[in-house]
Amino acid sequence: MYLDEKLEKDFLKEIIQKLGISPRDLLRTGESAYKENNLKDSNISNEAIINLMIEYPKLIERPIYIKGSKAIVGRPPENVLKII
């Protein structure tokens, strides 16, 4: 879904809030977009990271399981058991 349809910024921010992490913690560091955009630079703002996640959705760690007001990254899959 998120690879075919552009994510809304507010929705992505809501997911990050439900995860209780920073946008940087949701980045996939092995993606070429991570390297090409020098995302290892700690001076890049959260807002800029979110914008890049919208532009390059493969940067987003996945899968993400959402239940009510909580969310969790399903890697490893056992993580999902924490909010079921």
C-alpha atoms as a PDB file:
ATOM      1  CA  MET A   1       0.000   0.000   0.000  1.00  0.00           C
ATOM      2  CA  TYR A   2       2.519   2.653   1.115  1.00  0.00           C
ATOM      3  CA  LEU A   3       4.724   1.900  -1.890  1.00  0.00           C
ATOM      4  CA  ASP A   4       1.825   2.468  -4.312  1.00  0.00           C
ATOM      5  CA  GLU A   5       0.135   5.415  -2.611  1.00  0.00           C
ATOM      6  CA  LYS A   6       1.927   8.390  -1.105  1.00  0.00           C
ATOM      7  CA  LEU A   7       1.814   8.451   2.685  1.00  0.00           C
ATOM      8  CA  GLU A   8       0.264  11.474   4.318  1.00  0.00           C
ATOM      9  CA  LYS A   9       2.688  13.303   6.585  1.00  0.00           C
ATOM     10  CA  ASP A  10       0.209  13.496   9.476  1.00  0.00           C
ATOM     11  CA  PHE A  11      -0.455   9.750   9.249  1.00  0.00           C
ATOM     12  CA  LEU A  12       3.263   8.956   9.325  1.00  0.00           C
ATOM     13  CA  LYS A  13       3.750  11.275  12.319  1.00  0.00           C
ATOM     14  CA  GLU A  14       0.863   9.525  14.070  1.00  0.00           C
ATOM     15  CA  ILE A  15       2.452   6.127  13.478  1.00  0.00           C
ATOM     16  CA  ILE A  16       5.793   7.355  14.823  1.00  0.00           C
ATOM     17  CA  GLN A  17       4.024   8.737  17.894  1.00  0.00           C
ATOM     18  CA  LYS A  18       2.225   5.425  18.454  1.00  0.00           C
ATOM     19  CA  LEU A  19       5.542   3.597  18.139  1.00  0.00           C
ATOM     20  CA  GLY A  20       7.036   5.903  20.780  1.00  0.00           C
ATOM     21  CA  ILE A  21      10.270   6.330  18.828  1.00  0.00           C
ATOM     22  CA  SER A  22      12.004   9.058  16.899  1.00  0.00           C
ATOM     23  CA  PRO A  23      11.720   9.181  13.103  1.00  0.00           C
ATOM     24  CA  ARG A  24      15.404   8.255  12.889  1.00  0.00           C
ATOM     25  CA  ASP A  25      14.682   4.999  14.758  1.00  0.00           C
ATOM     26  CA  LEU A  26      12.268   3.985  11.995  1.00  0.00           C
ATOM     27  CA  LEU A  27      14.838   4.278   9.205  1.00  0.00           C
ATOM     28  CA  ARG A  28      16.148   1.298   7.283  1.00  0.00           C
ATOM     29  CA  THR A  29      19.862   2.059   7.180  1.00  0.00           C
ATOM     30  CA  GLY A  30      20.647  -0.456   4.441  1.00  0.00           C
ATOM     31  CA  GLU A  31      18.551   1.302   1.796  1.00  0.00           C
ATOM     32  CA  SER A  32      20.317   3.200  -0.982  1.00  0.00           C
ATOM     33  CA  ALA A  33      18.173   6.285  -0.237  1.00  0.00           C
ATOM     34  CA  TYR A  34      19.620   6.288   3.293  1.00  0.00           C
ATOM     35  CA  LYS A  35      23.151   6.519   1.924  1.00  0.00           C
ATOM     36  CA  GLU A  36      22.314   8.862  -0.968  1.00  0.00           C
ATOM     37  CA  ASN A  37      20.670  11.355   1.410  1.00  0.00           C
ATOM     38  CA  ASN A  38      23.428  11.051   4.037  1.00  0.00           C
ATOM     39  CA  LEU A  39      20.902  10.121   6.715  1.00  0.00           C
ATOM     40  CA  LYS A  40      23.653   8.992   9.064  1.00  0.00           C
ATOM     41  CA  ASP A  41      24.209  12.711   9.670  1.00  0.00           C
ATOM     42  CA  SER A  42      22.756  13.290  13.157  1.00  0.00           C
ATOM     43  CA  ASN A  43      22.113  16.964  12.334  1.00  0.00           C
ATOM     44  CA  ILE A  44      19.256  16.129   9.969  1.00  0.00           C
ATOM     45  CA  SER A  45      16.001  17.205  11.607  1.00  0.00           C
ATOM     46  CA  ASN A  46      13.099  14.889  12.383  1.00  0.00           C
ATOM     47  CA  GLU A  47      10.956  16.878   9.951  1.00  0.00           C
ATOM     48  CA  ALA A  48      13.498  16.364   7.155  1.00  0.00           C
ATOM     49  CA  ILE A  49      13.654  12.641   7.941  1.00  0.00           C
ATOM     50  CA  ILE A  50       9.858  12.378   7.773  1.00  0.00           C
ATOM     51  CA  ASN A  51       9.841  14.223   4.442  1.00  0.00           C
ATOM     52  CA  LEU A  52      12.432  11.824   3.077  1.00  0.00           C
ATOM     53  CA  MET A  53      10.409   8.826   4.311  1.00  0.00           C
ATOM     54  CA  ILE A  54       7.443  10.154   2.364  1.00  0.00           C
ATOM     55  CA  GLU A  55       9.587  10.682  -0.731  1.00  0.00           C
ATOM     56  CA  TYR A  56      11.372   7.318  -0.338  1.00  0.00           C
ATOM     57  CA  PRO A  57       8.948   4.993   1.507  1.00  0.00           C
ATOM     58  CA  LYS A  58      11.404   2.081   1.351  1.00  0.00           C
ATOM     59  CA  LEU A  59      13.299   3.934   4.098  1.00  0.00           C
ATOM     60  CA  ILE A  60      10.554   2.988   6.571  1.00  0.00           C
ATOM     61  CA  GLU A  61      11.193  -0.086   8.702  1.00  0.00           C
ATOM     62  CA  ARG A  62       8.398  -2.585   8.273  1.00  0.00           C
ATOM     63  CA  PRO A  63       6.062  -4.232   8.871  1.00  0.00           C
ATOM     64  CA  ILE A  64       4.318  -2.017  11.395  1.00  0.00           C
ATOM     65  CA  TYR A  65       1.431  -3.431  13.392  1.00  0.00           C
ATOM     66  CA  ILE A  66      -1.054  -0.888  14.784  1.00  0.00           C
ATOM     67  CA  LYS A  67      -3.587  -1.610  17.503  1.00  0.00           C
ATOM     68  CA  GLY A  68      -5.528   1.308  18.905  1.00  0.00           C
ATOM     69  CA  SER A  69      -3.168   3.894  20.323  1.00  0.00           C
ATOM     70  CA  LYS A  70      -0.100   1.649  20.099  1.00  0.00           C
ATOM     71  CA  ALA A  71       2.081   0.378  17.294  1.00  0.00           C
ATOM     72  CA  ILE A  72       5.100  -1.871  17.003  1.00  0.00           C
ATOM     73  CA  VAL A  73       7.567  -2.834  14.295  1.00  0.00           C
ATOM     74  CA  GLY A  74       7.042  -6.494  13.490  1.00  0.00           C
ATOM     75  CA  ARG A  75      10.720  -7.397  13.272  1.00  0.00           C
ATOM     76  CA  PRO A  76      11.302  -9.824  14.703  1.00  0.00           C
ATOM     77  CA  PRO A  77       7.723 -11.118  14.326  1.00  0.00           C
ATOM     78  CA  GLU A  78       7.553 -11.902  18.042  1.00  0.00           C
ATOM     79  CA  ASN A  79       7.431  -8.144  18.711  1.00  0.00           C
ATOM     80  CA  VAL A  80       3.780  -8.128  17.679  1.00  0.00           C
ATOM     81  CA  LEU A  81       2.939 -10.293  20.691  1.00  0.00           C
ATOM     82  CA  LYS A  82       3.789  -7.332  22.921  1.00  0.00           C
ATOM     83  CA  ILE A  83       0.630  -5.441  21.925  1.00  0.00           C
ATOM     84  CA  ILE A  84      -1.815  -8.183  20.973  1.00  0.00           C
END
